[in-house]
Amino acid sequence: MNIILLENIEKVGFKDEIVTVKNGYGRNFLIPKGKAVLATTSAVKVLEEKLRQQSQKEEKVITDAKSKVETLKGLDIKIKAKIAGGTKLFGKITLSQFMSAIDGIELDKNFVSLPSAKETGKYEAVIRLHRTVSVTIPFEVIGE
């Protein structure tokens, strides 16, 4: 089922994006909650006109996102964690630990994807800053 999102939804997509979801998820959750509308031909035409009008504003947002990418790429992120034994950690690295390690940069935590880091070592996090701009940031987990 193709739908047009009316707001940002984690792991589905961004606002004003046409996405394909399972029929039950669209019919029973997204559309009744007002989070999406069915992507009919008339709704798609209205969306295209709306996006055309917003394209100039969108360029500024994309430019800001790209400057944030350069800032993020320049960071050397090291996250300290307690070690259970050898290289194993107590638990795993959480999103809040990662967000505090990149202190000073505003990010939407819903669009940060972390690997399951349960040992010390090097990992990569994927951050979506815009529907067209995403970046992979390396980080290192070290023991305390």
N, C-alpha and C. Protein backbone atom coordinates (compact mmCIF):
# COMPACT_ATOMS: atom_id res chain seq x y z
N MET A 1 0.85 -1.17 0.00
CA MET A 1 0.00 0.00 0.00
C MET A 1 0.89 1.24 0.00
N ASN A 2 0.65 2.14 -0.92
CA ASN A 2 1.40 3.40 -0.99
C ASN A 2 0.64 4.47 -0.22
N ILE A 3 1.38 5.18 0.65
CA ILE A 3 0.79 6.25 1.44
C ILE A 3 1.70 7.46 1.41
N ILE A 4 1.12 8.61 1.76
CA ILE A 4 1.87 9.86 1.89
C ILE A 4 1.93 10.18 3.38
N LEU A 5 3.13 10.30 3.92
CA LEU A 5 3.29 10.56 5.34
C LEU A 5 3.01 12.03 5.65
N LEU A 6 2.28 12.27 6.73
CA LEU A 6 1.97 13.63 7.15
C LEU A 6 2.89 14.11 8.28
N GLU A 7 3.71 13.20 8.80
CA GLU A 7 4.70 13.55 9.82
C GLU A 7 5.85 12.56 9.75
N ASN A 8 6.96 12.90 10.41
CA ASN A 8 8.11 12.00 10.44
C ASN A 8 7.76 10.79 11.30
N ILE A 9 8.01 9.60 10.76
CA ILE A 9 7.75 8.37 11.51
C ILE A 9 9.00 7.52 11.48
N GLU A 10 9.45 7.16 12.68
CA GLU A 10 10.68 6.39 12.83
C GLU A 10 10.61 5.08 12.06
N LYS A 11 11.66 4.77 11.34
CA LYS A 11 11.83 3.55 10.56
C LYS A 11 10.86 3.41 9.40
N VAL A 12 10.10 4.48 9.10
CA VAL A 12 9.20 4.45 7.94
C VAL A 12 9.61 5.53 6.95
N GLY A 13 9.70 6.79 7.41
CA GLY A 13 10.11 7.85 6.52
C GLY A 13 9.84 9.23 7.08
N PHE A 14 10.07 10.22 6.22
CA PHE A 14 9.90 11.62 6.60
C PHE A 14 8.57 12.16 6.10
N LYS A 15 8.21 13.32 6.63
CA LYS A 15 6.98 14.00 6.25
C LYS A 15 7.00 14.29 4.74
N ASP A 16 5.83 14.20 4.11
CA ASP A 16 5.62 14.46 2.68
C ASP A 16 6.40 13.49 1.80
N GLU A 17 6.60 12.28 2.26
CA GLU A 17 7.29 11.27 1.48
C GLU A 17 6.29 10.17 1.14
N ILE A 18 6.36 9.65 -0.08
CA ILE A 18 5.50 8.54 -0.49
C ILE A 18 6.25 7.26 -0.18
N VAL A 19 5.67 6.42 0.69
CA VAL A 19 6.31 5.18 1.09
C VAL A 19 5.34 4.01 0.91
N THR A 20 5.90 2.82 0.85
CA THR A 20 5.10 1.61 0.77
C THR A 20 5.14 0.92 2.13
N VAL A 21 3.96 0.65 2.68
CA VAL A 21 3.86 -0.05 3.95
C VAL A 21 2.89 -1.22 3.79
N LYS A 22 2.88 -2.09 4.75
CA LYS A 22 1.94 -3.20 4.72
C LYS A 22 0.52 -2.66 4.88
N ASN A 23 -0.43 -3.35 4.26
CA ASN A 23 -1.82 -2.88 4.24
C ASN A 23 -2.39 -2.67 5.64
N GLY A 24 -2.16 -3.61 6.54
CA GLY A 24 -2.71 -3.49 7.89
C GLY A 24 -2.14 -2.32 8.65
N TYR A 25 -0.84 -2.08 8.53
CA TYR A 25 -0.19 -0.97 9.22
C TYR A 25 -0.75 0.35 8.72
N GLY A 26 -0.93 0.47 7.42
CA GLY A 26 -1.47 1.70 6.85
C GLY A 26 -2.93 1.91 7.20
N ARG A 27 -3.75 0.88 6.99
CA ARG A 27 -5.19 0.99 7.20
C ARG A 27 -5.59 1.08 8.67
N ASN A 28 -4.89 0.33 9.51
CA ASN A 28 -5.30 0.23 10.91
C ASN A 28 -4.59 1.19 11.86
N PHE A 29 -3.44 1.74 11.45
CA PHE A 29 -2.71 2.62 12.36
C PHE A 29 -2.45 3.99 11.77
N LEU A 30 -1.70 4.04 10.65
CA LEU A 30 -1.24 5.33 10.13
C LEU A 30 -2.39 6.23 9.67
N ILE A 31 -3.30 5.72 8.87
CA ILE A 31 -4.38 6.56 8.33
C ILE A 31 -5.37 6.97 9.43
N PRO A 32 -5.86 6.05 10.29
CA PRO A 32 -6.79 6.49 11.35
C PRO A 32 -6.19 7.48 12.35
N LYS A 33 -4.88 7.38 12.62
CA LYS A 33 -4.23 8.28 13.58
C LYS A 33 -3.88 9.62 12.95
N GLY A 34 -4.12 9.79 11.64
CA GLY A 34 -3.83 11.06 10.98
C GLY A 34 -2.35 11.24 10.67
N LYS A 35 -1.61 10.15 10.64
CA LYS A 35 -0.18 10.22 10.37
C LYS A 35 0.12 10.06 8.88
N ALA A 36 -0.88 9.64 8.10
CA ALA A 36 -0.69 9.42 6.67
C ALA A 36 -2.02 9.47 5.94
N VAL A 37 -1.93 9.64 4.63
CA VAL A 37 -3.11 9.55 3.77
C VAL A 37 -2.78 8.61 2.62
N LEU A 38 -3.82 8.04 2.04
CA LEU A 38 -3.64 7.13 0.92
C LEU A 38 -3.09 7.90 -0.28
N ALA A 39 -2.16 7.31 -0.99
CA ALA A 39 -1.49 7.98 -2.11
C ALA A 39 -2.30 7.80 -3.39
N THR A 40 -3.43 8.48 -3.47
CA THR A 40 -4.23 8.46 -4.69
C THR A 40 -3.60 9.41 -5.70
N THR A 41 -4.05 9.36 -6.96
CA THR A 41 -3.45 10.22 -7.97
C THR A 41 -3.66 11.69 -7.65
N SER A 42 -4.83 12.05 -7.14
CA SER A 42 -5.07 13.46 -6.81
C SER A 42 -4.22 13.89 -5.61
N ALA A 43 -4.06 13.02 -4.61
CA ALA A 43 -3.24 13.36 -3.45
C ALA A 43 -1.77 13.50 -3.84
N VAL A 44 -1.31 12.70 -4.78
CA VAL A 44 0.07 12.79 -5.24
C VAL A 44 0.29 14.10 -5.99
N LYS A 45 -0.69 14.53 -6.79
CA LYS A 45 -0.58 15.79 -7.52
C LYS A 45 -0.52 16.96 -6.55
N VAL A 46 -1.35 16.93 -5.52
CA VAL A 46 -1.34 17.98 -4.50
C VAL A 46 0.01 18.01 -3.78
N LEU A 47 0.54 16.84 -3.46
CA LEU A 47 1.84 16.75 -2.80
C LEU A 47 2.95 17.30 -3.69
N GLU A 48 2.94 16.97 -4.98
CA GLU A 48 3.96 17.47 -5.90
C GLU A 48 3.94 18.99 -5.99
N GLU A 49 2.75 19.58 -6.02
CA GLU A 49 2.63 21.04 -6.07
C GLU A 49 3.16 21.65 -4.77
N LYS A 50 2.81 21.05 -3.66
CA LYS A 50 3.27 21.54 -2.35
C LYS A 50 4.80 21.47 -2.26
N LEU A 51 5.38 20.35 -2.70
CA LEU A 51 6.83 20.19 -2.67
C LEU A 51 7.53 21.16 -3.62
N ARG A 52 6.92 21.45 -4.76
CA ARG A 52 7.50 22.39 -5.71
C ARG A 52 7.57 23.78 -5.08
N GLN A 53 6.53 24.16 -4.34
CA GLN A 53 6.51 25.47 -3.69
C GLN A 53 7.50 25.54 -2.53
N GLN A 54 7.74 24.43 -1.90
CA GLN A 54 8.64 24.41 -0.75
C GLN A 54 10.09 24.14 -1.12
N SER A 55 10.38 23.95 -2.40
CA SER A 55 11.72 23.54 -2.81
C SER A 55 12.80 24.55 -2.42
N GLN A 56 12.49 25.84 -2.49
CA GLN A 56 13.49 26.84 -2.12
C GLN A 56 13.79 26.80 -0.63
N LYS A 57 12.76 26.63 0.18
CA LYS A 57 12.98 26.51 1.62
C LYS A 57 13.76 25.23 1.92
N GLU A 58 13.46 24.20 1.15
CA GLU A 58 14.10 22.90 1.33
C GLU A 58 15.61 22.98 1.06
N GLU A 59 16.01 23.80 0.09
CA GLU A 59 17.42 23.94 -0.24
C GLU A 59 18.22 24.44 0.96
N LYS A 60 17.65 25.37 1.71
CA LYS A 60 18.32 25.89 2.90
C LYS A 60 18.46 24.79 3.97
N VAL A 61 17.41 24.00 4.13
CA VAL A 61 17.45 22.91 5.11
C VAL A 61 18.51 21.88 4.71
N ILE A 62 18.60 21.57 3.42
CA ILE A 62 19.60 20.60 2.94
C ILE A 62 21.00 21.15 3.14
N THR A 63 21.19 22.45 2.89
CA THR A 63 22.50 23.08 3.10
C THR A 63 22.91 22.99 4.57
N ASP A 64 21.95 23.26 5.47
CA ASP A 64 22.23 23.15 6.91
C ASP A 64 22.59 21.71 7.29
N ALA A 65 21.87 20.74 6.70
CA ALA A 65 22.14 19.34 7.00
C ALA A 65 23.53 18.94 6.51
N LYS A 66 23.92 19.44 5.33
CA LYS A 66 25.24 19.10 4.80
C LYS A 66 26.35 19.72 5.64
N SER A 67 26.12 20.92 6.19
CA SER A 67 27.13 21.52 7.06
C SER A 67 27.24 20.73 8.37
N LYS A 68 26.11 20.18 8.83
CA LYS A 68 26.12 19.34 10.03
C LYS A 68 26.89 18.05 9.77
N VAL A 69 26.79 17.54 8.54
CA VAL A 69 27.53 16.33 8.16
C VAL A 69 29.03 16.58 8.28
N GLU A 70 29.48 17.73 7.79
CA GLU A 70 30.91 18.05 7.87
C GLU A 70 31.37 18.16 9.32
N THR A 71 30.51 18.74 10.17
CA THR A 71 30.85 18.85 11.59
C THR A 71 30.94 17.46 12.22
N LEU A 72 29.98 16.59 11.89
CA LEU A 72 29.97 15.24 12.46
C LEU A 72 31.16 14.42 11.99
N LYS A 73 31.54 14.57 10.73
CA LYS A 73 32.68 13.82 10.20
C LYS A 73 33.99 14.23 10.87
N GLY A 74 34.05 15.46 11.35
CA GLY A 74 35.25 15.95 12.01
C GLY A 74 35.40 15.50 13.45
N LEU A 75 34.38 14.87 14.01
CA LEU A 75 34.42 14.45 15.41
C LEU A 75 35.18 13.14 15.58
N ASP A 76 35.89 13.02 16.70
CA ASP A 76 36.53 11.78 17.10
C ASP A 76 35.75 11.30 18.32
N ILE A 77 34.83 10.39 18.12
CA ILE A 77 33.91 9.98 19.18
C ILE A 77 34.45 8.75 19.89
N LYS A 78 34.62 8.89 21.21
CA LYS A 78 35.03 7.78 22.06
C LYS A 78 34.02 7.69 23.19
N ILE A 79 33.44 6.50 23.35
CA ILE A 79 32.44 6.28 24.39
C ILE A 79 33.03 5.35 25.43
N LYS A 80 33.04 5.81 26.70
CA LYS A 80 33.56 4.98 27.78
C LYS A 80 32.42 4.13 28.34
N ALA A 81 32.76 2.86 28.61
CA ALA A 81 31.76 1.94 29.15
C ALA A 81 32.44 0.99 30.13
N LYS A 82 31.65 0.47 31.06
CA LYS A 82 32.18 -0.48 32.04
C LYS A 82 32.39 -1.83 31.37
N ILE A 83 33.50 -2.47 31.74
CA ILE A 83 33.85 -3.76 31.14
C ILE A 83 33.55 -4.88 32.13
N ALA A 84 32.91 -5.95 31.63
CA ALA A 84 32.59 -7.10 32.47
C ALA A 84 33.78 -8.04 32.57
N GLY A 85 34.52 -8.17 31.50
CA GLY A 85 35.68 -9.05 31.50
C GLY A 85 36.22 -9.14 30.08
N GLY A 86 37.52 -9.03 29.94
CA GLY A 86 38.11 -9.06 28.60
C GLY A 86 37.69 -7.84 27.80
N THR A 87 36.96 -8.07 26.73
CA THR A 87 36.47 -6.95 25.90
C THR A 87 34.96 -6.78 26.00
N LYS A 88 34.29 -7.65 26.77
CA LYS A 88 32.84 -7.58 26.89
C LYS A 88 32.42 -6.43 27.80
N LEU A 89 31.30 -5.81 27.44
CA LEU A 89 30.75 -4.70 28.23
C LEU A 89 29.62 -5.19 29.12
N PHE A 90 29.34 -4.41 30.17
CA PHE A 90 28.10 -4.62 30.93
C PHE A 90 27.00 -4.04 30.06
N GLY A 91 26.14 -4.86 29.53
CA GLY A 91 25.07 -4.37 28.66
C GLY A 91 25.61 -4.01 27.29
N LYS A 92 25.11 -2.91 26.73
CA LYS A 92 25.58 -2.44 25.42
C LYS A 92 25.52 -0.92 25.38
N ILE A 93 26.08 -0.35 24.34
CA ILE A 93 26.08 1.10 24.19
C ILE A 93 24.66 1.55 23.83
N THR A 94 24.15 2.51 24.58
CA THR A 94 22.79 2.99 24.35
C THR A 94 22.79 4.28 23.53
N LEU A 95 21.64 4.62 23.03
CA LEU A 95 21.48 5.83 22.24
C LEU A 95 21.81 7.07 23.08
N SER A 96 21.43 7.07 24.35
CA SER A 96 21.72 8.24 25.20
C SER A 96 23.22 8.41 25.42
N GLN A 97 23.98 7.32 25.52
CA GLN A 97 25.43 7.42 25.65
C GLN A 97 26.03 8.02 24.38
N PHE A 98 25.54 7.59 23.23
CA PHE A 98 26.04 8.11 21.96
C PHE A 98 25.70 9.59 21.81
N MET A 99 24.47 9.97 22.17
CA MET A 99 24.04 11.37 22.03
C MET A 99 24.84 12.27 22.97
N SER A 100 25.19 11.79 24.16
CA SER A 100 25.99 12.62 25.06
C SER A 100 27.44 12.72 24.58
N ALA A 101 27.91 11.74 23.81
CA ALA A 101 29.28 11.78 23.29
C ALA A 101 29.42 12.81 22.18
N ILE A 102 28.33 13.11 21.47
CA ILE A 102 28.38 14.14 20.42
C ILE A 102 27.72 15.41 20.92
N ASP A 103 28.02 15.75 22.14
CA ASP A 103 27.44 16.91 22.81
C ASP A 103 27.62 18.19 21.99
N GLY A 104 26.58 18.98 21.92
CA GLY A 104 26.66 20.27 21.23
C GLY A 104 26.08 20.25 19.83
N ILE A 105 25.76 19.07 19.30
CA ILE A 105 25.18 18.98 17.97
C ILE A 105 23.75 18.48 18.11
N GLU A 106 22.80 19.26 17.61
CA GLU A 106 21.38 18.91 17.71
C GLU A 106 21.05 17.83 16.69
N LEU A 107 20.56 16.69 17.16
CA LEU A 107 20.13 15.61 16.29
C LEU A 107 18.80 15.07 16.79
N ASP A 108 17.99 14.56 15.85
CA ASP A 108 16.75 13.88 16.22
C ASP A 108 17.11 12.43 16.51
N LYS A 109 16.94 12.02 17.76
CA LYS A 109 17.38 10.68 18.15
C LYS A 109 16.62 9.58 17.43
N ASN A 110 15.45 9.89 16.89
CA ASN A 110 14.69 8.88 16.16
C ASN A 110 15.35 8.47 14.85
N PHE A 111 16.26 9.30 14.34
CA PHE A 111 16.89 9.01 13.07
C PHE A 111 18.37 8.68 13.22
N VAL A 112 18.74 8.21 14.43
CA VAL A 112 20.10 7.73 14.68
C VAL A 112 20.02 6.22 14.82
N SER A 113 20.79 5.51 14.02
CA SER A 113 20.78 4.05 14.04
C SER A 113 22.13 3.54 14.52
N LEU A 114 22.12 2.88 15.68
CA LEU A 114 23.36 2.36 16.28
C LEU A 114 23.45 0.85 16.08
N PRO A 115 24.66 0.33 15.89
CA PRO A 115 24.83 -1.11 15.87
C PRO A 115 24.77 -1.65 17.30
N SER A 116 24.63 -2.93 17.46
CA SER A 116 24.61 -3.54 18.78
C SER A 116 26.05 -3.67 19.28
N ALA A 117 26.52 -2.67 20.01
CA ALA A 117 27.90 -2.62 20.48
C ALA A 117 27.97 -3.22 21.88
N LYS A 118 28.42 -4.48 21.96
CA LYS A 118 28.50 -5.17 23.24
C LYS A 118 29.92 -5.46 23.66
N GLU A 119 30.89 -5.03 22.84
CA GLU A 119 32.30 -5.22 23.15
C GLU A 119 33.06 -3.95 22.84
N THR A 120 34.27 -3.83 23.37
CA THR A 120 35.08 -2.67 23.02
C THR A 120 35.51 -2.81 21.56
N GLY A 121 35.74 -1.68 20.92
CA GLY A 121 36.15 -1.72 19.52
C GLY A 121 35.58 -0.56 18.74
N LYS A 122 35.71 -0.64 17.42
CA LYS A 122 35.24 0.43 16.54
C LYS A 122 33.93 0.02 15.87
N TYR A 123 33.00 0.98 15.79
CA TYR A 123 31.68 0.76 15.21
C TYR A 123 31.32 1.96 14.35
N GLU A 124 30.19 1.85 13.64
CA GLU A 124 29.69 2.95 12.83
C GLU A 124 28.21 3.16 13.10
N ALA A 125 27.83 4.42 13.27
CA ALA A 125 26.43 4.79 13.46
C ALA A 125 25.95 5.50 12.20
N VAL A 126 24.70 5.24 11.81
CA VAL A 126 24.10 5.89 10.64
C VAL A 126 23.12 6.94 11.15
N ILE A 127 23.29 8.17 10.66
CA ILE A 127 22.44 9.28 11.09
C ILE A 127 21.78 9.88 9.85
N ARG A 128 20.43 9.94 9.88
CA ARG A 128 19.68 10.57 8.79
C ARG A 128 19.32 11.98 9.24
N LEU A 129 19.85 12.97 8.55
CA LEU A 129 19.61 14.36 8.89
C LEU A 129 18.46 14.95 8.07
N HIS A 130 18.21 14.35 6.92
CA HIS A 130 17.17 14.80 6.01
C HIS A 130 16.82 13.61 5.14
N ARG A 131 15.73 13.68 4.41
CA ARG A 131 15.36 12.52 3.59
C ARG A 131 16.40 12.24 2.51
N THR A 132 17.18 13.24 2.13
CA THR A 132 18.20 13.04 1.10
C THR A 132 19.62 13.06 1.67
N VAL A 133 19.78 13.36 2.96
CA VAL A 133 21.12 13.49 3.55
C VAL A 133 21.24 12.54 4.73
N SER A 134 22.17 11.58 4.60
CA SER A 134 22.49 10.72 5.73
C SER A 134 24.01 10.56 5.78
N VAL A 135 24.50 10.19 6.94
CA VAL A 135 25.95 10.10 7.12
C VAL A 135 26.26 8.92 8.04
N THR A 136 27.39 8.28 7.78
CA THR A 136 27.88 7.20 8.63
C THR A 136 29.05 7.75 9.45
N ILE A 137 28.90 7.68 10.76
CA ILE A 137 29.88 8.25 11.68
C ILE A 137 30.58 7.12 12.43
N PRO A 138 31.92 7.05 12.34
CA PRO A 138 32.63 6.03 13.13
C PRO A 138 32.78 6.48 14.58
N PHE A 139 32.70 5.51 15.48
CA PHE A 139 32.96 5.80 16.90
C PHE A 139 33.64 4.59 17.53
N GLU A 140 34.28 4.85 18.66
CA GLU A 140 35.04 3.79 19.33
C GLU A 140 34.53 3.62 20.75
N VAL A 141 34.39 2.36 21.16
CA VAL A 141 33.99 2.05 22.52
C VAL A 141 35.24 1.61 23.27
N ILE A 142 35.51 2.31 24.38
CA ILE A 142 36.69 2.01 25.19
C ILE A 142 36.26 1.69 26.61
N GLY A 143 37.05 0.93 27.31
CA GLY A 143 36.73 0.53 28.67
C GLY A 143 37.17 1.58 29.69
N GLU A 144 36.46 1.59 30.80
CA GLU A 144 36.80 2.51 31.89
C GLU A 144 37.77 1.84 32.83
